[in-house]
Structures are given as C-alpha cells and as structure tokens.
N, C-alpha and C. Protein backbone atom coordinates (compact mmCIF):
# COMPACT_ATOMS: atom_id res chain seq x y z
N MET A 1 77.34 96.00 89.04
CA MET A 1 78.43 95.06 89.21
C MET A 1 79.36 95.18 88.00
N ILE A 2 80.64 95.22 88.27
CA ILE A 2 81.64 95.34 87.22
C ILE A 2 82.24 93.96 86.97
N ASP A 3 82.23 93.55 85.73
CA ASP A 3 82.81 92.27 85.30
C ASP A 3 84.01 92.61 84.45
N PHE A 4 85.20 92.43 85.00
CA PHE A 4 86.41 92.82 84.29
C PHE A 4 87.58 91.96 84.73
N THR A 5 88.02 91.09 83.88
CA THR A 5 89.13 90.21 84.22
C THR A 5 90.16 90.25 83.10
N PHE A 6 91.40 90.50 83.47
CA PHE A 6 92.48 90.34 82.51
C PHE A 6 92.81 88.86 82.42
N LYS A 7 93.35 88.45 81.30
CA LYS A 7 93.82 87.07 81.20
C LYS A 7 95.03 86.92 82.12
N PRO A 8 95.16 85.75 82.73
CA PRO A 8 96.35 85.55 83.56
C PRO A 8 97.61 85.52 82.70
N ILE A 9 98.70 85.93 83.29
CA ILE A 9 99.99 85.89 82.61
C ILE A 9 100.80 84.77 83.26
N TYR A 10 101.05 83.74 82.49
CA TYR A 10 101.87 82.64 82.99
C TYR A 10 102.23 81.70 81.84
N ASN A 11 103.22 80.88 82.09
CA ASN A 11 103.56 79.80 81.19
C ASN A 11 103.74 78.55 82.06
N LYS A 12 104.46 77.58 81.61
CA LYS A 12 104.60 76.35 82.41
C LYS A 12 105.69 76.46 83.48
N ASN A 13 106.42 77.57 83.52
CA ASN A 13 107.57 77.69 84.41
C ASN A 13 107.36 78.39 85.75
N PRO A 14 106.27 79.09 86.00
CA PRO A 14 106.23 79.90 87.22
C PRO A 14 106.25 79.07 88.49
N LYS A 15 106.93 79.64 89.47
CA LYS A 15 106.99 79.03 90.80
C LYS A 15 106.16 79.85 91.78
N ILE A 16 105.89 81.11 91.43
CA ILE A 16 105.16 82.01 92.32
C ILE A 16 104.01 82.65 91.55
N LEU A 17 102.84 82.59 92.14
CA LEU A 17 101.65 83.25 91.59
C LEU A 17 101.39 84.51 92.41
N ILE A 18 101.36 85.65 91.75
CA ILE A 18 101.03 86.92 92.41
C ILE A 18 99.59 87.25 92.05
N LEU A 19 98.78 87.47 93.08
CA LEU A 19 97.37 87.79 92.87
C LEU A 19 97.04 89.16 93.43
N GLY A 20 96.54 90.03 92.56
CA GLY A 20 95.98 91.29 93.00
C GLY A 20 94.53 91.05 93.39
N SER A 21 93.82 92.12 93.70
CA SER A 21 92.41 91.97 94.04
C SER A 21 91.54 92.13 92.80
N PHE A 22 91.41 93.37 92.31
CA PHE A 22 90.58 93.68 91.16
C PHE A 22 91.20 94.89 90.47
N PRO A 23 91.16 94.96 89.14
CA PRO A 23 91.82 96.07 88.44
C PRO A 23 91.27 97.44 88.85
N SER A 24 92.19 98.38 88.99
CA SER A 24 91.82 99.76 89.30
C SER A 24 91.16 100.40 88.07
N VAL A 25 90.60 101.57 88.27
CA VAL A 25 89.99 102.31 87.16
C VAL A 25 91.03 102.51 86.05
N LYS A 26 92.24 102.94 86.41
CA LYS A 26 93.30 103.17 85.41
C LYS A 26 93.69 101.87 84.71
N SER A 27 93.78 100.79 85.46
CA SER A 27 94.13 99.52 84.84
C SER A 27 93.05 99.07 83.87
N ARG A 28 91.80 99.27 84.23
CA ARG A 28 90.71 98.92 83.31
C ARG A 28 90.75 99.81 82.07
N GLU A 29 91.11 101.07 82.26
CA GLU A 29 91.20 102.01 81.14
C GLU A 29 92.32 101.60 80.17
N TYR A 30 93.47 101.19 80.72
CA TYR A 30 94.61 100.81 79.89
C TYR A 30 94.62 99.31 79.56
N ASN A 31 93.69 98.58 80.15
CA ASN A 31 93.51 97.16 79.87
C ASN A 31 94.73 96.30 80.22
N PHE A 32 95.36 96.64 81.36
CA PHE A 32 96.47 95.81 81.83
C PHE A 32 96.71 96.05 83.32
N TYR A 33 97.29 95.04 83.93
CA TYR A 33 97.58 95.04 85.36
C TYR A 33 98.42 96.25 85.80
N TYR A 34 98.07 96.79 86.94
CA TYR A 34 98.85 97.85 87.61
C TYR A 34 99.24 98.98 86.67
N SER A 35 98.26 99.50 85.95
CA SER A 35 98.53 100.56 84.98
C SER A 35 98.48 101.96 85.56
N ASN A 36 98.04 102.08 86.80
CA ASN A 36 98.08 103.40 87.42
C ASN A 36 99.55 103.75 87.68
N PRO A 37 100.03 104.86 87.13
CA PRO A 37 101.45 105.19 87.30
C PRO A 37 101.86 105.39 88.77
N GLN A 38 100.87 105.61 89.64
CA GLN A 38 101.17 105.77 91.07
C GLN A 38 101.37 104.43 91.78
N ASN A 39 100.89 103.35 91.18
CA ASN A 39 101.08 102.03 91.78
C ASN A 39 102.55 101.64 91.62
N ARG A 40 103.12 101.08 92.66
CA ARG A 40 104.56 100.81 92.68
C ARG A 40 104.94 99.39 92.25
N PHE A 41 103.97 98.62 91.77
CA PHE A 41 104.20 97.22 91.44
C PHE A 41 105.36 97.03 90.45
N TRP A 42 105.29 97.69 89.30
CA TRP A 42 106.32 97.49 88.27
C TRP A 42 107.66 98.06 88.69
N LYS A 43 107.65 99.19 89.39
CA LYS A 43 108.90 99.76 89.90
C LYS A 43 109.55 98.79 90.88
N MET A 44 108.72 98.24 91.77
CA MET A 44 109.22 97.32 92.77
C MET A 44 109.84 96.08 92.12
N LEU A 45 109.13 95.46 91.18
CA LEU A 45 109.67 94.26 90.52
C LEU A 45 110.96 94.57 89.78
N SER A 46 111.02 95.70 89.09
CA SER A 46 112.23 96.02 88.34
C SER A 46 113.42 96.23 89.28
N LEU A 47 113.18 96.78 90.46
CA LEU A 47 114.26 96.96 91.43
C LEU A 47 114.67 95.62 92.04
N ILE A 48 113.71 94.79 92.38
CA ILE A 48 114.03 93.47 92.96
C ILE A 48 114.87 92.65 91.99
N TYR A 49 114.49 92.64 90.73
CA TYR A 49 115.17 91.81 89.74
C TYR A 49 116.28 92.54 88.98
N LYS A 50 116.51 93.80 89.37
CA LYS A 50 117.57 94.61 88.73
C LYS A 50 117.39 94.66 87.21
N ASP A 51 116.15 94.88 86.81
CA ASP A 51 115.78 95.00 85.40
C ASP A 51 115.39 96.44 85.12
N ASN A 52 115.34 96.78 83.83
CA ASN A 52 114.84 98.09 83.44
C ASN A 52 113.35 98.16 83.78
N LEU A 53 112.89 99.35 84.10
CA LEU A 53 111.47 99.56 84.37
C LEU A 53 110.69 99.30 83.09
N PRO A 54 109.79 98.33 83.10
CA PRO A 54 109.04 98.04 81.88
C PRO A 54 108.04 99.16 81.59
N GLU A 55 107.94 99.52 80.32
CA GLU A 55 107.02 100.59 79.93
C GLU A 55 105.86 100.08 79.10
N THR A 56 106.10 99.08 78.29
CA THR A 56 105.04 98.56 77.43
C THR A 56 104.41 97.31 78.07
N ILE A 57 103.25 96.95 77.57
CA ILE A 57 102.60 95.74 78.06
C ILE A 57 103.48 94.52 77.79
N ASP A 58 104.08 94.44 76.62
CA ASP A 58 104.96 93.31 76.32
C ASP A 58 106.16 93.25 77.26
N GLN A 59 106.74 94.38 77.58
CA GLN A 59 107.87 94.41 78.52
C GLN A 59 107.42 93.95 79.91
N LYS A 60 106.23 94.35 80.30
CA LYS A 60 105.70 93.94 81.61
C LYS A 60 105.44 92.43 81.64
N LYS A 61 104.85 91.90 80.57
CA LYS A 61 104.63 90.45 80.49
C LYS A 61 105.95 89.71 80.55
N ASN A 62 106.94 90.20 79.82
CA ASN A 62 108.26 89.55 79.82
C ASN A 62 108.90 89.57 81.20
N LEU A 63 108.74 90.66 81.92
CA LEU A 63 109.30 90.74 83.27
C LEU A 63 108.70 89.63 84.15
N ILE A 64 107.40 89.43 84.03
CA ILE A 64 106.74 88.37 84.80
C ILE A 64 107.26 87.00 84.37
N LEU A 65 107.24 86.73 83.08
CA LEU A 65 107.60 85.41 82.58
C LEU A 65 109.09 85.10 82.74
N ASP A 66 109.94 86.11 82.55
CA ASP A 66 111.39 85.90 82.66
C ASP A 66 111.83 85.52 84.07
N HIS A 67 111.01 85.84 85.06
CA HIS A 67 111.38 85.56 86.45
C HIS A 67 110.51 84.47 87.08
N ASN A 68 109.94 83.64 86.21
CA ASN A 68 109.16 82.48 86.66
C ASN A 68 108.02 82.85 87.60
N LEU A 69 107.33 83.92 87.23
CA LEU A 69 106.16 84.37 87.98
C LEU A 69 104.91 84.15 87.15
N ALA A 70 103.78 84.18 87.83
CA ALA A 70 102.47 84.22 87.19
C ALA A 70 101.73 85.39 87.82
N LEU A 71 100.85 86.03 87.05
CA LEU A 71 100.13 87.21 87.54
C LEU A 71 98.66 87.10 87.17
N TYR A 72 97.81 87.38 88.15
CA TYR A 72 96.36 87.32 87.94
C TYR A 72 95.70 88.12 89.05
N ASP A 73 94.38 88.25 88.98
CA ASP A 73 93.61 88.88 90.05
C ASP A 73 92.70 87.85 90.71
N ALA A 74 92.40 88.07 91.97
CA ALA A 74 91.58 87.14 92.74
C ALA A 74 90.09 87.31 92.45
N ILE A 75 89.70 88.49 91.97
CA ILE A 75 88.28 88.80 91.76
C ILE A 75 88.01 89.03 90.28
N LYS A 76 86.96 88.38 89.77
CA LYS A 76 86.61 88.60 88.37
C LYS A 76 85.40 89.52 88.22
N MET A 77 84.61 89.67 89.27
CA MET A 77 83.41 90.50 89.19
C MET A 77 83.07 90.99 90.60
N CYS A 78 82.67 92.26 90.70
CA CYS A 78 82.31 92.80 92.01
C CYS A 78 81.62 94.16 91.87
N ASP A 79 81.08 94.63 92.97
CA ASP A 79 80.66 96.01 93.09
C ASP A 79 81.83 96.75 93.73
N ILE A 80 82.23 97.86 93.12
CA ILE A 80 83.38 98.61 93.62
C ILE A 80 83.16 100.10 93.35
N LYS A 81 83.61 100.93 94.27
CA LYS A 81 83.58 102.38 94.09
C LYS A 81 84.99 102.82 93.73
N ALA A 82 85.12 103.43 92.57
CA ALA A 82 86.42 103.88 92.05
C ALA A 82 87.38 102.69 92.04
N SER A 83 88.48 102.80 92.79
CA SER A 83 89.48 101.72 92.80
C SER A 83 89.72 101.17 94.20
N SER A 84 88.85 101.48 95.13
CA SER A 84 89.06 101.16 96.53
C SER A 84 88.72 99.71 96.88
N ASP A 85 89.74 98.95 97.28
CA ASP A 85 89.50 97.58 97.75
C ASP A 85 88.54 97.56 98.93
N LEU A 86 88.58 98.60 99.75
CA LEU A 86 87.70 98.64 100.92
C LEU A 86 86.23 98.73 100.53
N SER A 87 85.95 99.20 99.32
CA SER A 87 84.56 99.35 98.88
C SER A 87 84.02 98.10 98.18
N ILE A 88 84.88 97.11 97.93
CA ILE A 88 84.46 95.93 97.17
C ILE A 88 83.40 95.14 97.93
N ARG A 89 82.33 94.82 97.19
CA ARG A 89 81.22 94.02 97.73
C ARG A 89 80.78 93.02 96.66
N ASN A 90 80.11 91.97 97.09
CA ASN A 90 79.51 90.97 96.18
C ASN A 90 80.53 90.40 95.20
N GLU A 91 81.73 90.15 95.68
CA GLU A 91 82.79 89.68 94.80
C GLU A 91 82.60 88.22 94.39
N ILE A 92 82.98 87.95 93.17
CA ILE A 92 83.02 86.59 92.62
C ILE A 92 84.48 86.34 92.26
N SER A 93 85.04 85.27 92.79
CA SER A 93 86.46 85.02 92.60
C SER A 93 86.77 84.40 91.25
N THR A 94 88.00 84.59 90.82
CA THR A 94 88.49 83.96 89.60
C THR A 94 88.82 82.50 89.92
N ASP A 95 89.09 81.75 88.89
CA ASP A 95 89.48 80.35 89.05
C ASP A 95 90.98 80.25 88.81
N ILE A 96 91.73 80.05 89.88
CA ILE A 96 93.19 79.97 89.74
C ILE A 96 93.67 78.52 89.58
N ASP A 97 92.76 77.57 89.69
CA ASP A 97 93.17 76.16 89.59
C ASP A 97 93.88 75.82 88.28
N PRO A 98 93.41 76.32 87.12
CA PRO A 98 94.14 76.00 85.87
C PRO A 98 95.60 76.47 85.90
N ILE A 99 95.86 77.60 86.54
CA ILE A 99 97.24 78.09 86.62
C ILE A 99 98.05 77.14 87.48
N ILE A 100 97.50 76.77 88.62
CA ILE A 100 98.22 75.89 89.55
C ILE A 100 98.43 74.51 88.92
N GLU A 101 97.41 74.00 88.24
CA GLU A 101 97.49 72.66 87.65
C GLU A 101 98.41 72.60 86.43
N ASN A 102 98.60 73.72 85.74
CA ASN A 102 99.39 73.72 84.51
C ASN A 102 100.74 74.40 84.65
N SER A 103 101.22 74.49 85.88
CA SER A 103 102.53 75.10 86.10
C SER A 103 103.13 74.48 87.36
N ASN A 104 104.16 75.11 87.86
CA ASN A 104 104.89 74.59 89.02
C ASN A 104 104.80 75.58 90.19
N ILE A 105 103.60 76.10 90.43
CA ILE A 105 103.40 77.10 91.50
C ILE A 105 103.73 76.48 92.86
N GLN A 106 104.63 77.15 93.58
CA GLN A 106 105.01 76.68 94.91
C GLN A 106 104.49 77.59 96.02
N LYS A 107 104.16 78.84 95.64
CA LYS A 107 103.55 79.74 96.63
C LYS A 107 102.73 80.81 95.93
N ILE A 108 101.77 81.31 96.68
CA ILE A 108 100.89 82.37 96.21
C ILE A 108 101.14 83.59 97.07
N LEU A 109 101.45 84.71 96.42
CA LEU A 109 101.63 85.99 97.10
C LEU A 109 100.45 86.87 96.76
N CYS A 110 99.80 87.40 97.78
CA CYS A 110 98.64 88.26 97.57
C CYS A 110 99.04 89.71 97.77
N ASN A 111 98.76 90.52 96.77
CA ASN A 111 99.09 91.94 96.81
C ASN A 111 98.00 92.67 97.58
N GLY A 112 98.11 92.62 98.91
CA GLY A 112 97.16 93.30 99.78
C GLY A 112 96.19 92.37 100.48
N LYS A 113 95.45 92.95 101.42
CA LYS A 113 94.55 92.19 102.29
C LYS A 113 93.34 91.63 101.57
N LYS A 114 92.73 92.38 100.66
CA LYS A 114 91.52 91.91 99.99
C LYS A 114 91.81 90.66 99.17
N SER A 115 92.88 90.67 98.43
CA SER A 115 93.27 89.50 97.66
C SER A 115 93.51 88.31 98.59
N PHE A 116 94.22 88.54 99.67
CA PHE A 116 94.52 87.48 100.64
C PHE A 116 93.24 86.89 101.21
N ASP A 117 92.30 87.75 101.58
CA ASP A 117 91.03 87.26 102.13
C ASP A 117 90.28 86.40 101.12
N ILE A 118 90.24 86.82 99.87
CA ILE A 118 89.54 86.05 98.83
C ILE A 118 90.22 84.69 98.65
N VAL A 119 91.54 84.69 98.55
CA VAL A 119 92.28 83.45 98.29
C VAL A 119 92.16 82.47 99.45
N THR A 120 92.28 82.96 100.66
CA THR A 120 92.28 82.05 101.81
C THR A 120 90.88 81.66 102.27
N LYS A 121 89.92 82.57 102.13
CA LYS A 121 88.58 82.28 102.64
C LYS A 121 87.63 81.72 101.58
N LYS A 122 87.66 82.28 100.38
CA LYS A 122 86.75 81.82 99.32
C LYS A 122 87.34 80.69 98.49
N MET A 123 88.65 80.76 98.24
CA MET A 123 89.29 79.73 97.41
C MET A 123 89.88 78.60 98.24
N ASN A 124 90.01 78.83 99.56
CA ASN A 124 90.60 77.85 100.48
C ASN A 124 92.01 77.43 100.07
N LYS A 125 92.82 78.42 99.69
CA LYS A 125 94.21 78.18 99.30
C LYS A 125 95.14 78.80 100.33
N LYS A 126 96.30 78.20 100.48
CA LYS A 126 97.33 78.76 101.33
C LYS A 126 98.01 79.90 100.57
N ALA A 127 98.20 81.02 101.22
CA ALA A 127 98.80 82.18 100.57
C ALA A 127 99.53 83.03 101.59
N ILE A 128 100.32 83.96 101.09
CA ILE A 128 101.05 84.90 101.93
C ILE A 128 100.54 86.29 101.61
N GLN A 129 100.11 87.01 102.65
CA GLN A 129 99.66 88.39 102.44
C GLN A 129 100.86 89.32 102.39
N MET A 130 100.97 90.04 101.28
CA MET A 130 102.05 91.00 101.09
C MET A 130 101.50 92.41 101.21
N PRO A 131 102.35 93.37 101.58
CA PRO A 131 101.86 94.75 101.61
C PRO A 131 101.47 95.20 100.20
N SER A 132 100.36 95.89 100.12
CA SER A 132 99.88 96.38 98.82
C SER A 132 100.87 97.35 98.20
N THR A 133 101.00 97.24 96.89
CA THR A 133 101.87 98.17 96.16
C THR A 133 101.14 99.45 95.77
N SER A 134 99.87 99.54 96.12
CA SER A 134 99.08 100.73 95.81
C SER A 134 99.67 101.96 96.50
N SER A 135 99.58 103.09 95.82
CA SER A 135 100.05 104.34 96.44
C SER A 135 99.18 104.71 97.65
N ALA A 136 97.98 104.16 97.73
CA ALA A 136 97.12 104.40 98.89
C ALA A 136 97.71 103.77 100.16
N ASN A 137 98.63 102.83 99.99
CA ASN A 137 99.28 102.19 101.12
C ASN A 137 100.54 102.98 101.48
N ALA A 138 100.34 104.12 102.09
CA ALA A 138 101.46 105.02 102.41
C ALA A 138 102.31 104.51 103.57
N ARG A 139 101.85 103.48 104.24
CA ARG A 139 102.60 102.92 105.38
C ARG A 139 103.95 102.36 104.93
N TYR A 140 104.01 101.90 103.67
CA TYR A 140 105.24 101.28 103.16
C TYR A 140 105.84 102.12 102.04
N SER A 141 107.13 102.42 102.17
CA SER A 141 107.84 103.12 101.10
C SER A 141 108.19 102.11 100.01
N LEU A 142 108.62 102.61 98.86
CA LEU A 142 109.07 101.73 97.79
C LEU A 142 110.22 100.86 98.29
N LYS A 143 111.12 101.44 99.04
CA LYS A 143 112.25 100.69 99.60
C LYS A 143 111.75 99.55 100.50
N ASP A 144 110.75 99.83 101.34
CA ASP A 144 110.17 98.79 102.20
C ASP A 144 109.57 97.66 101.36
N LEU A 145 108.83 98.04 100.33
CA LEU A 145 108.19 97.04 99.47
C LEU A 145 109.24 96.15 98.80
N VAL A 146 110.30 96.75 98.30
CA VAL A 146 111.37 95.99 97.65
C VAL A 146 111.97 95.00 98.64
N GLU A 147 112.20 95.44 99.86
CA GLU A 147 112.80 94.56 100.87
C GLU A 147 111.85 93.41 101.24
N ILE A 148 110.60 93.72 101.53
CA ILE A 148 109.65 92.71 101.98
C ILE A 148 109.29 91.73 100.86
N TRP A 149 108.93 92.26 99.69
CA TRP A 149 108.59 91.41 98.56
C TRP A 149 109.81 90.62 98.08
N GLY A 150 110.97 91.26 98.11
CA GLY A 150 112.19 90.59 97.65
C GLY A 150 112.48 89.31 98.43
N LYS A 151 112.18 89.30 99.72
CA LYS A 151 112.41 88.10 100.54
C LYS A 151 111.58 86.92 100.05
N GLU A 152 110.41 87.18 99.48
CA GLU A 152 109.55 86.10 98.98
C GLU A 152 109.81 85.77 97.51
N LEU A 153 110.30 86.75 96.76
CA LEU A 153 110.47 86.56 95.32
C LEU A 153 111.84 86.01 94.93
N LEU A 154 112.84 86.27 95.74
CA LEU A 154 114.21 85.84 95.37
C LEU A 154 114.59 84.53 96.05
C-alpha cells in the first residue's frame, strides 16, 4: 500500500475545489501535483485563464490561488500499479472537510472518474465529474479539455 499525500493548496478565497485521484509515479517523484509533463492539467489551466504556463512549483501554486481554486487529491493511501487509476484498490480517502469548512467552496470538480467515485460514494459529497487531464485519456484533446473545464471554471 502506498501512502502519499500532498498538502492541499488553498487559502480562504477558493470557490472551486479540484480533486485528482492519487499522485502519479512522476508526481510522487517530483513531489507535486500533475508533474508528469504528459499530463495536460497545467497547460489546460494556463489556457483557460490566459496565463503563462507555470514551470515551477511556486508558479503552479500561484496559478491555483490567483484564480480562487483549491487543489487536492481524493485518495491518501491505496494499492496502485504504476499510475493507473484503473488499478487502484483498497483506497483510503483524504479528508476534504477542513478545506470546505475554512473556505468558500461552491463546487467540487473531480479530475476523472476515480476521483468522482471516491468523492460521491465514500465522502458523500456532491461533485462534477470532469474529463481526466491525463494523457491516457486520448478521447479528449487539449482543446476539448479547455472548452469543457472552462465552462465550470470561468
């Protein structure tokens, strides 16, 4: 079982909480959210908000905070093979209540099906399932992701 949780990124201002499932191998290696260069999360956000593509961890944190977002993962511990959400078993969810209680969260966006399932079934929270930004999700182009996510973020 892998126990790996990044600290949530938020302040008192976020209106939207974005929840991933569990950090990928690359993200665990670099110790930050969506660190696999093939994942389109940061590219998508920078296009939606018309910001420069963040390169450093501080720039990525600022992108989240500057746009009244919060970022966290739904799973803090699980059995997983490589980075595949489909392989996740025996998951233990994170506690998102402190984020919700200490901010102005109005909606939760789940980056993919696994996160959505955890949030709605294990946490009993209302959430919106968004298409995964993972490169493994070839069904959606970057342009599609910007359009779909943009409708919820703007």
